[in-house]
N, C-alpha and C. Protein backbone atom coordinates (compact mmCIF):
# COMPACT_ATOMS: atom_id res chain seq x y z
N UNK A 1 -11.99 -7.27 -1.39
CA UNK A 1 -11.70 -8.25 -2.69
C UNK A 1 -12.79 -8.18 -3.58
N UNK A 2 -14.24 -8.08 -3.07
CA UNK A 2 -15.37 -7.95 -3.97
C UNK A 2 -15.25 -7.09 -4.61
N UNK A 3 -14.48 -5.81 -4.05
CA UNK A 3 -14.63 -4.66 -4.92
C UNK A 3 -13.78 -4.98 -6.04
N UNK A 4 -12.23 -5.40 -5.73
CA UNK A 4 -11.39 -5.91 -7.12
C UNK A 4 -12.09 -6.83 -8.21
N UNK A 5 -13.14 -7.74 -7.90
CA UNK A 5 -13.74 -8.55 -8.79
C UNK A 5 -15.01 -7.92 -9.43
N UNK A 6 -15.45 -6.80 -8.57
CA UNK A 6 -16.49 -5.82 -9.58
C UNK A 6 -15.92 -5.04 -10.57
N UNK A 7 -14.64 -4.77 -9.84
CA UNK A 7 -13.90 -3.41 -10.69
C UNK A 7 -13.34 -4.13 -11.98
N UNK A 8 -12.96 -5.23 -11.75
CA UNK A 8 -12.21 -6.07 -13.12
C UNK A 8 -13.48 -6.76 -13.78
N UNK A 9 -14.75 -6.78 -13.22
CA UNK A 9 -15.63 -7.52 -14.00
C UNK A 9 -16.56 -6.23 -14.73
N UNK A 10 -16.43 -4.91 -14.25
CA UNK A 10 -16.82 -3.68 -14.86
C UNK A 10 -16.23 -3.48 -15.89
N UNK A 11 -14.80 -3.95 -16.17
CA UNK A 11 -13.87 -3.08 -16.76
C UNK A 11 -14.02 -4.26 -17.91
N UNK A 12 -14.08 -5.92 -17.78
CA UNK A 12 -14.01 -6.64 -18.61
C UNK A 12 -15.43 -6.64 -19.79
N UNK A 13 -16.65 -6.03 -18.80
CA UNK A 13 -17.74 -5.48 -19.98
C UNK A 13 -17.93 -4.62 -20.34
N UNK A 14 -17.13 -3.55 -20.16
CA UNK A 14 -17.10 -2.41 -20.78
C UNK A 14 -16.12 -2.42 -21.76
N UNK A 15 -14.52 -2.77 -21.68
CA UNK A 15 -13.73 -2.83 -22.10
C UNK A 15 -13.84 -3.56 -23.81
N UNK A 16 -13.87 -2.80 -24.96
CA UNK A 16 -13.80 -3.51 -26.45
C UNK A 16 -12.83 -4.94 -26.23
N UNK A 17 -13.35 -5.77 -26.85
CA UNK A 17 -12.43 -7.26 -26.84
C UNK A 17 -10.71 -6.79 -27.28
N UNK A 18 -10.56 -6.42 -28.33
CA UNK A 18 -9.17 -5.95 -28.90
C UNK A 18 -8.84 -5.04 -28.12
N UNK A 19 -9.31 -4.59 -27.27
CA UNK A 19 -8.40 -3.88 -26.12
C UNK A 19 -8.40 -4.35 -24.36
N UNK A 20 -9.27 -5.57 -24.21
CA UNK A 20 -9.45 -5.98 -23.20
C UNK A 20 -8.55 -6.52 -22.85
N UNK A 21 -7.69 -7.56 -23.49
CA UNK A 21 -6.64 -8.33 -23.42
C UNK A 21 -6.85 -9.20 -22.09
N UNK A 22 -5.83 -9.54 -21.55
CA UNK A 22 -6.37 -10.08 -20.09
C UNK A 22 -6.36 -9.56 -18.94
N UNK A 23 -7.07 -8.34 -18.91
CA UNK A 23 -7.11 -7.45 -17.67
C UNK A 23 -6.02 -7.10 -17.23
N UNK A 24 -4.43 -7.13 -17.81
CA UNK A 24 -3.33 -6.70 -16.68
C UNK A 24 -3.52 -7.70 -15.64
N UNK A 25 -3.73 -9.25 -16.06
CA UNK A 25 -3.45 -10.28 -14.73
C UNK A 25 -1.81 -9.78 -14.32
N UNK A 26 -1.60 -10.20 -13.08
CA UNK A 26 -0.23 -9.90 -12.89
C UNK A 26 0.55 -11.52 -13.19
N UNK A 27 1.73 -11.83 -13.77
CA UNK A 27 2.26 -12.47 -14.23
C UNK A 27 3.88 -12.22 -13.97
N UNK A 28 4.36 -13.65 -13.71
CA UNK A 28 6.31 -13.60 -13.84
C UNK A 28 6.60 -13.16 -15.21
N UNK A 29 7.25 -12.46 -15.79
CA UNK A 29 8.09 -11.78 -16.74
C UNK A 29 8.98 -11.67 -16.58
N UNK A 30 9.44 -12.14 -17.89
CA UNK A 30 11.16 -12.02 -18.26
C UNK A 30 12.30 -13.14 -17.09
N UNK A 31 11.77 -14.13 -17.71
CA UNK A 31 12.57 -15.40 -16.51
C UNK A 31 12.50 -15.14 -15.24
N UNK A 32 11.81 -14.50 -14.54
CA UNK A 32 11.72 -14.07 -13.14
C UNK A 32 11.06 -15.02 -12.67
N UNK A 33 11.86 -15.61 -11.29
CA UNK A 33 11.57 -16.88 -10.84
C UNK A 33 10.52 -16.46 -9.56
N UNK A 34 9.69 -17.68 -9.23
CA UNK A 34 8.98 -17.13 -8.04
C UNK A 34 9.20 -16.56 -7.08
N UNK A 35 10.64 -17.07 -6.35
CA UNK A 35 11.18 -16.50 -5.22
C UNK A 35 11.58 -14.50 -5.71
N UNK A 36 12.32 -14.44 -7.02
CA UNK A 36 12.71 -13.19 -7.27
C UNK A 36 11.36 -12.25 -7.24
N UNK A 37 10.37 -12.92 -7.80
CA UNK A 37 9.45 -12.11 -7.78
C UNK A 37 8.34 -11.84 -6.63
N UNK A 38 8.70 -12.78 -5.81
CA UNK A 38 8.24 -12.54 -3.89
C UNK A 38 9.04 -11.36 -3.76
N UNK A 39 10.45 -11.23 -3.73
CA UNK A 39 11.39 -10.46 -3.01
C UNK A 39 11.04 -9.12 -3.84
N UNK A 40 10.69 -9.04 -5.22
CA UNK A 40 10.14 -7.51 -5.62
C UNK A 40 9.10 -7.20 -5.00
N UNK A 41 7.64 -7.96 -5.46
CA UNK A 41 6.84 -7.27 -4.83
C UNK A 41 6.79 -7.23 -2.98
N UNK A 42 7.92 -7.75 -2.70
CA UNK A 42 8.26 -7.17 -0.90
C UNK A 42 8.53 -5.78 -1.04
N UNK A 43 9.48 -5.71 -2.01
CA UNK A 43 10.33 -4.46 -1.96
C UNK A 43 9.15 -3.46 -2.25
N UNK A 44 8.98 -3.67 -3.39
CA UNK A 44 7.56 -2.70 -4.08
C UNK A 44 7.02 -2.25 -2.80
N UNK A 45 6.24 -3.16 -2.31
CA UNK A 45 5.13 -2.86 -1.07
C UNK A 45 5.65 -2.35 0.17
N UNK A 46 6.66 -2.64 0.56
CA UNK A 46 7.40 -1.49 1.45
C UNK A 46 7.96 -0.70 1.67
N UNK A 47 8.09 -0.16 0.35
CA UNK A 47 8.37 1.33 -0.22
C UNK A 47 7.16 1.60 0.19
N UNK A 48 5.97 1.21 -0.53
CA UNK A 48 4.90 2.06 -0.72
C UNK A 48 4.26 2.19 0.52
N UNK A 49 4.17 1.25 1.45
CA UNK A 49 3.61 1.29 2.81
C UNK A 49 4.49 1.98 3.45
N UNK A 50 6.18 2.38 3.63
CA UNK A 50 6.39 2.72 4.42
C UNK A 50 6.23 4.58 3.63
N UNK A 51 5.97 4.90 2.64
CA UNK A 51 5.85 6.22 2.06
C UNK A 51 4.54 6.51 2.95
N UNK A 52 3.40 5.70 2.93
CA UNK A 52 1.72 6.10 3.27
C UNK A 52 2.04 6.43 4.56
N UNK A 53 3.01 5.84 5.61
CA UNK A 53 3.01 5.76 7.09
C UNK A 53 3.43 7.18 7.28
N UNK A 54 4.69 7.21 6.63
CA UNK A 54 5.42 8.67 6.96
C UNK A 54 4.81 10.00 6.34
N UNK A 55 3.85 9.58 4.89
CA UNK A 55 3.97 11.06 4.75
C UNK A 55 2.09 11.01 5.23
N UNK A 56 1.68 10.26 6.18
CA UNK A 56 0.28 10.40 6.35
C UNK A 56 0.11 10.66 8.39
N UNK A 57 1.47 10.37 8.92
CA UNK A 57 1.31 10.18 10.32
C UNK A 57 0.89 11.47 10.79
N UNK A 58 -0.09 11.59 11.57
CA UNK A 58 -0.54 12.86 12.31
C UNK A 58 0.66 13.09 13.57
N UNK A 59 1.41 12.14 14.05
CA UNK A 59 2.64 12.82 14.84
C UNK A 59 3.52 13.73 14.20
N UNK A 60 3.73 13.59 13.06
CA UNK A 60 4.72 14.86 12.62
C UNK A 60 4.43 16.05 12.85
N UNK A 61 5.12 16.73 13.25
CA UNK A 61 4.97 18.58 13.11
C UNK A 61 5.62 19.14 12.00
N UNK A 62 6.74 18.52 11.30
CA UNK A 62 7.23 19.38 10.11
C UNK A 62 6.39 18.88 9.12
N UNK A 63 6.59 20.18 8.29
CA UNK A 63 5.44 20.09 7.21
C UNK A 63 5.90 18.84 6.36
N UNK A 64 5.12 17.93 5.39
CA UNK A 64 5.48 16.75 4.94
C UNK A 64 5.26 17.31 3.63
N UNK A 65 4.35 18.41 2.96
CA UNK A 65 4.13 18.85 1.26
C UNK A 65 2.94 17.78 1.63
N UNK A 66 2.62 17.23 0.17
CA UNK A 66 1.27 16.58 -0.05
C UNK A 66 1.71 14.91 0.03
N UNK A 67 0.54 14.45 1.08
CA UNK A 67 0.61 13.01 1.09
C UNK A 67 0.07 12.16 -0.27
N UNK A 68 -0.80 12.91 -0.73
CA UNK A 68 -1.01 12.49 -2.19
C UNK A 68 0.39 12.23 -3.31
N UNK A 69 0.62 13.54 -2.90
CA UNK A 69 2.12 13.34 -4.01
C UNK A 69 2.84 12.58 -3.86
N UNK A 70 3.36 12.75 -2.59
CA UNK A 70 4.29 11.23 -2.07
C UNK A 70 3.85 9.77 -2.46
N UNK A 71 2.70 9.86 -2.26
CA UNK A 71 2.22 8.57 -2.42
C UNK A 71 2.12 8.13 -3.95
N UNK A 72 1.80 9.00 -4.58
CA UNK A 72 1.34 8.93 -5.91
C UNK A 72 2.77 8.64 -6.60
N UNK A 73 4.11 9.60 -5.97
CA UNK A 73 5.32 8.79 -6.70
C UNK A 73 5.33 7.76 -6.56
N UNK A 74 5.32 7.22 -5.08
CA UNK A 74 5.92 5.96 -4.75
C UNK A 74 5.00 5.03 -5.59
N UNK A 75 3.71 5.09 -5.80
CA UNK A 75 3.32 4.10 -6.63
C UNK A 75 3.80 3.99 -8.14
N UNK A 76 4.46 5.30 -8.50
CA UNK A 76 4.79 5.15 -9.73
C UNK A 76 5.87 4.76 -9.87
N UNK A 77 6.93 4.88 -8.87
CA UNK A 77 8.38 4.47 -8.53
C UNK A 77 8.22 2.75 -8.91
N UNK A 78 7.08 2.69 -7.89
CA UNK A 78 6.92 1.19 -7.96
C UNK A 78 6.48 0.09 -9.30
N UNK A 79 5.85 1.13 -9.76
CA UNK A 79 5.25 0.65 -11.21
C UNK A 79 6.50 0.64 -12.17
N UNK A 80 7.06 1.43 -12.22
CA UNK A 80 8.14 1.89 -13.20
C UNK A 80 9.37 0.48 -12.92
N UNK A 81 9.65 0.07 -11.61
CA UNK A 81 10.86 -1.08 -11.31
C UNK A 81 9.93 -2.38 -11.48
N UNK A 82 8.62 -2.38 -11.47
CA UNK A 82 8.19 -3.73 -10.94
C UNK A 82 7.15 -4.07 -12.25
N UNK A 83 7.10 -3.53 -12.95
CA UNK A 83 6.62 -4.15 -14.11
C UNK A 83 7.45 -5.01 -15.32
N UNK A 84 8.35 -4.46 -15.26
CA UNK A 84 9.71 -5.51 -15.87
C UNK A 84 9.27 -6.88 -15.37
N UNK A 85 9.23 -7.11 -14.00
CA UNK A 85 9.21 -8.02 -13.20
C UNK A 85 7.88 -8.93 -13.11
N UNK A 86 7.17 -8.13 -12.79
CA UNK A 86 5.74 -9.29 -12.31
C UNK A 86 4.71 -8.25 -12.70
N UNK A 87 4.49 -7.25 -13.38
CA UNK A 87 3.54 -6.52 -13.50
C UNK A 87 3.05 -5.18 -12.31
N UNK A 88 3.93 -5.20 -11.26
CA UNK A 88 3.36 -4.66 -9.96
C UNK A 88 2.33 -4.76 -9.58
N UNK A 89 2.05 -5.86 -8.73
CA UNK A 89 0.88 -5.70 -7.85
C UNK A 89 0.66 -4.88 -6.86
N UNK A 90 1.91 -4.87 -6.02
CA UNK A 90 1.46 -4.01 -4.69
C UNK A 90 0.32 -4.08 -3.44
N UNK A 91 -0.72 -5.18 -4.32
CA UNK A 91 -1.74 -5.17 -3.44
C UNK A 91 -2.60 -6.63 -3.89
N UNK A 92 -2.76 -7.17 -3.13
CA UNK A 92 -3.34 -8.65 -3.46
C UNK A 92 -4.28 -8.42 -4.18
N UNK A 93 -5.29 -7.85 -3.95
CA UNK A 93 -7.12 -7.33 -4.52
C UNK A 93 -6.44 -7.05 -5.75
N UNK A 94 -5.60 -6.24 -6.34
CA UNK A 94 -5.18 -5.79 -7.93
C UNK A 94 -4.91 -7.11 -8.13
N UNK A 95 -3.95 -8.46 -7.97
CA UNK A 95 -4.11 -9.32 -8.71
C UNK A 95 -5.48 -10.38 -8.50
N UNK A 96 -5.93 -10.41 -7.88
CA UNK A 96 -7.12 -11.28 -7.29
C UNK A 96 -8.54 -10.86 -8.16
N UNK A 97 -8.77 -9.74 -8.65
CA UNK A 97 -10.01 -9.54 -9.37
C UNK A 97 -9.58 -9.74 -10.45
N UNK A 98 -9.04 -9.27 -11.42
CA UNK A 98 -9.02 -9.83 -12.55
C UNK A 98 -8.45 -11.33 -12.86
N UNK A 99 -7.91 -11.84 -11.89
CA UNK A 99 -7.78 -13.59 -12.00
C UNK A 99 -9.10 -14.02 -11.70
N UNK A 100 -9.64 -13.66 -10.84
CA UNK A 100 -11.15 -14.14 -10.81
C UNK A 100 -11.81 -13.96 -12.16
N UNK A 101 -11.81 -13.03 -12.45
CA UNK A 101 -12.98 -12.53 -13.70
C UNK A 101 -12.56 -13.21 -14.96
N UNK A 102 -10.92 -13.48 -14.99
CA UNK A 102 -10.72 -14.33 -16.46
C UNK A 102 -10.34 -15.48 -16.22
N UNK A 103 -10.33 -16.23 -15.20
CA UNK A 103 -10.18 -17.30 -14.58
C UNK A 103 -9.02 -17.68 -14.67
N UNK A 104 -8.16 -17.08 -14.54
CA UNK A 104 -6.81 -17.36 -14.74
C UNK A 104 -5.66 -17.43 -13.71
N UNK A 105 -5.37 -18.15 -12.66
CA UNK A 105 -4.86 -18.50 -11.71
C UNK A 105 -3.20 -18.96 -12.17
N UNK A 106 -2.78 -18.59 -12.01
CA UNK A 106 -1.38 -19.20 -12.14
C UNK A 106 -0.54 -19.79 -11.24
N UNK A 107 0.35 -20.85 -11.05
CA UNK A 107 0.94 -21.54 -9.88
C UNK A 107 1.86 -20.59 -9.52
N UNK A 108 1.99 -19.47 -9.47
CA UNK A 108 2.61 -18.30 -9.07
C UNK A 108 1.62 -17.13 -8.30
N UNK A 109 0.52 -17.50 -8.47
CA UNK A 109 -0.71 -16.39 -7.90
C UNK A 109 -0.16 -15.94 -6.17
N UNK A 110 0.52 -17.13 -5.53
CA UNK A 110 0.60 -16.75 -4.56
C UNK A 110 1.72 -15.37 -4.02
N UNK A 111 2.46 -15.59 -4.70
CA UNK A 111 3.70 -14.54 -5.17
C UNK A 111 2.94 -13.28 -4.76
N UNK A 112 1.75 -13.07 -5.29
CA UNK A 112 0.84 -11.35 -5.42
C UNK A 112 0.53 -11.44 -4.31
N UNK A 113 0.56 -12.04 -3.08
CA UNK A 113 -0.63 -12.17 -1.80
C UNK A 113 0.90 -12.17 -0.46
N UNK A 114 1.84 -13.12 -0.84
CA UNK A 114 2.75 -13.08 0.31
C UNK A 114 3.90 -11.88 -0.02
N UNK A 115 4.10 -11.50 -1.00
CA UNK A 115 4.96 -10.51 -1.08
C UNK A 115 4.33 -9.05 -0.85
N UNK A 116 3.26 -8.89 -0.90
CA UNK A 116 2.80 -7.34 -0.49
C UNK A 116 2.21 -7.86 1.15
N UNK A 117 2.20 -8.74 1.53
CA UNK A 117 1.84 -8.60 3.05
C UNK A 117 2.67 -8.61 3.84
N UNK A 118 3.65 -9.59 2.89
CA UNK A 118 4.84 -9.41 4.07
C UNK A 118 5.49 -8.27 4.27
N UNK A 119 5.71 -7.67 2.74
CA UNK A 119 6.35 -6.07 2.89
C UNK A 119 5.45 -4.89 3.66
N UNK A 120 4.37 -5.14 3.64
CA UNK A 120 3.35 -4.11 4.58
C UNK A 120 3.85 -4.14 5.83
N UNK A 121 4.05 -5.84 6.44
CA UNK A 121 4.24 -5.85 7.95
C UNK A 121 5.42 -5.61 7.88
N UNK A 122 6.54 -5.75 7.34
CA UNK A 122 8.01 -5.22 7.55
C UNK A 122 7.89 -3.54 7.47
N UNK A 123 7.42 -2.87 6.77
CA UNK A 123 6.93 -1.86 6.90
C UNK A 123 6.47 -0.96 7.98
N UNK A 124 5.31 -1.58 8.51
CA UNK A 124 4.91 -1.64 9.36
C UNK A 124 5.70 -1.50 10.90
N UNK A 125 6.04 -2.68 11.02
CA UNK A 125 7.42 -2.74 12.16
C UNK A 125 8.53 -1.85 12.41
N UNK A 126 8.84 -1.37 11.15
CA UNK A 126 10.05 -0.76 10.87
C UNK A 126 9.66 0.57 11.41
N UNK A 127 8.31 1.21 10.69
CA UNK A 127 8.24 2.81 11.23
C UNK A 127 7.72 2.56 12.36
N UNK A 128 6.89 1.77 12.96
CA UNK A 128 6.04 1.90 14.37
C UNK A 128 6.99 1.66 15.13
N UNK A 129 7.81 0.55 15.31
CA UNK A 129 8.46 0.22 16.21
C UNK A 129 10.18 0.74 16.30
N UNK A 130 10.39 1.09 15.37
CA UNK A 130 12.04 1.68 15.05
C UNK A 130 12.50 3.21 14.75
N UNK A 131 11.28 3.21 13.72
CA UNK A 131 11.81 4.87 13.07
C UNK A 131 11.10 5.73 14.43
N UNK A 132 9.65 5.83 14.35
CA UNK A 132 8.39 6.40 15.23
C UNK A 132 7.93 5.48 16.15
N UNK A 133 8.65 5.60 17.15
CA UNK A 133 7.51 4.46 17.81
C UNK A 133 6.47 4.91 18.87
N UNK A 134 5.06 4.69 18.86
CA UNK A 134 4.35 5.12 19.77
C UNK A 134 4.66 4.72 21.12
N UNK A 135 4.55 5.78 22.14
CA UNK A 135 4.65 5.82 23.47
C UNK A 135 3.70 5.47 24.59
N UNK A 136 2.76 4.31 24.15
CA UNK A 136 1.87 3.87 24.55
C UNK A 136 2.19 3.20 26.05
N UNK A 137 1.50 3.01 27.23
CA UNK A 137 1.40 2.02 27.63
C UNK A 137 0.92 1.10 27.94
N UNK A 138 1.13 -0.33 28.81
CA UNK A 138 0.67 -1.12 28.48
C UNK A 138 -0.61 -1.17 28.10
N UNK A 139 -1.59 -0.64 29.23
CA UNK A 139 -2.92 -0.84 29.12
C UNK A 139 -3.84 -0.02 27.65
N UNK A 140 -2.78 1.30 27.24
CA UNK A 140 -2.97 1.97 26.00
C UNK A 140 -3.23 0.96 24.73
N UNK A 141 -1.76 0.23 25.34
CA UNK A 141 -2.04 -0.84 23.54
C UNK A 141 -3.19 -1.91 24.05
N UNK A 142 -3.23 -2.63 25.07
CA UNK A 142 -4.23 -3.16 25.06
C UNK A 142 -5.58 -2.84 24.54
N UNK A 143 -5.77 -1.35 24.61
CA UNK A 143 -7.03 -0.57 24.54
C UNK A 143 -6.93 -0.78 23.08
N UNK A 144 -5.68 -0.44 22.38
CA UNK A 144 -5.92 -0.32 20.30
C UNK A 144 -6.23 -1.52 20.01
N UNK A 145 -5.79 -2.80 20.80
CA UNK A 145 -6.03 -4.26 20.35
C UNK A 145 -6.96 -4.41 20.42
N UNK A 146 -8.11 -3.88 21.39
CA UNK A 146 -9.44 -4.27 21.77
C UNK A 146 -10.69 -3.45 21.25
N UNK A 147 -9.84 -2.48 20.22
CA UNK A 147 -10.44 -1.10 19.45
C UNK A 147 -11.34 -0.51 20.36
N UNK A 148 -11.15 -0.08 22.03
CA UNK A 148 -11.27 0.79 22.73
C UNK A 148 -10.98 2.20 23.04
N UNK A 149 -9.34 2.15 22.08
CA UNK A 149 -8.32 3.18 22.56
C UNK A 149 -9.16 4.58 22.25
N UNK A 150 -9.30 5.34 23.24
CA UNK A 150 -9.49 6.62 22.54
C UNK A 150 -8.17 7.93 23.00
N UNK A 151 -7.77 8.40 21.89
CA UNK A 151 -6.35 9.62 22.11
C UNK A 151 -6.71 10.34 23.10
N UNK A 152 -5.72 10.85 23.77
CA UNK A 152 -6.04 11.93 24.70
C UNK A 152 -6.50 13.52 23.94
N UNK A 153 -5.65 13.38 22.73
CA UNK A 153 -5.68 15.14 21.80
C UNK A 153 -6.82 14.75 21.29
N UNK A 154 -7.38 15.67 21.16
CA UNK A 154 -8.65 15.84 20.41
C UNK A 154 -8.12 16.10 18.81
N UNK A 155 -8.74 15.42 17.81
CA UNK A 155 -8.46 15.47 16.67
C UNK A 155 -8.35 16.51 16.16
N UNK A 156 -9.30 17.41 16.16
CA UNK A 156 -9.60 18.65 15.91
C UNK A 156 -8.64 19.91 16.28
N UNK A 157 -8.30 19.88 17.29
CA UNK A 157 -6.78 20.55 17.96
C UNK A 157 -5.71 19.83 17.42
N UNK A 158 -5.52 18.87 16.86
CA UNK A 158 -4.50 18.47 16.54
C UNK A 158 -4.01 18.94 14.91
N UNK A 159 -5.48 18.97 14.12
CA UNK A 159 -5.39 19.41 12.96
C UNK A 159 -5.21 20.75 12.88
N UNK A 160 -5.43 21.43 13.80
CA UNK A 160 -5.23 22.84 13.78
C UNK A 160 -3.59 23.05 13.86
N UNK A 161 -3.17 22.49 15.23
CA UNK A 161 -1.79 22.47 15.22
C UNK A 161 -1.11 22.50 14.30
N UNK A 162 -1.21 21.46 13.39
CA UNK A 162 -0.56 21.18 11.80
C UNK A 162 -0.44 22.37 11.15
N UNK A 163 -1.53 23.14 11.17
CA UNK A 163 -1.87 23.67 9.75
C UNK A 163 -1.13 24.99 10.33
N UNK A 164 -1.09 25.16 11.96
CA UNK A 164 -0.46 26.77 12.36
C UNK A 164 1.30 26.33 11.82
N UNK A 165 1.75 24.78 12.22
CA UNK A 165 3.26 24.63 12.06
C UNK A 165 3.56 24.97 10.22
N UNK A 166 2.71 24.32 9.72
CA UNK A 166 2.65 24.32 8.14
C UNK A 166 2.81 25.57 7.86
N UNK A 167 2.08 26.83 8.59
CA UNK A 167 1.93 28.40 8.06
C UNK A 167 3.22 28.89 8.45
N UNK A 168 3.70 28.73 10.03
CA UNK A 168 5.13 29.34 10.24
C UNK A 168 6.04 29.01 9.47
N UNK A 169 6.54 27.65 8.84
CA UNK A 169 7.60 27.31 8.20
C UNK A 169 7.16 27.78 7.07
N UNK A 170 6.21 27.83 6.35
CA UNK A 170 6.16 28.56 5.13
C UNK A 170 6.30 29.90 4.60
N UNK A 171 6.35 30.47 6.05
CA UNK A 171 7.03 31.77 5.74
C UNK A 171 8.28 32.08 5.90
């Protein structure tokens, strides 16, 4: 959040007054209700988080192409759909920084927190519990929660295996 405020502050300081506007503060547009806006933000963040999980999952052995391209296209899709309704936040910090700098919090600001957070949680549940569940033992799951979990596979070996798989399928 500090980074979002700092970034919005820098933009406010550097942008000429006639170009600054309201720093693209997220707001409800085109008669969108708060409920509709929350659902829009939830769906936009859901699809973005699901894209990030699936394109960066180290357990995937099939070539996935460029995660950066996939994620960039997902962000683009989100903006093309969401700008009409909410200005497309998909990130609470993105909404918070400009609102703090401009000192303009609307009564619907909660939408830009609840929608993205719930959307990301739902995407995580879908991906990690239904689509590609981890087969960890109970003790391993406890270690993950404690922050002491060490995967058995060496990260470097895993990266080399992925490169080999990508090379074989590219031929």
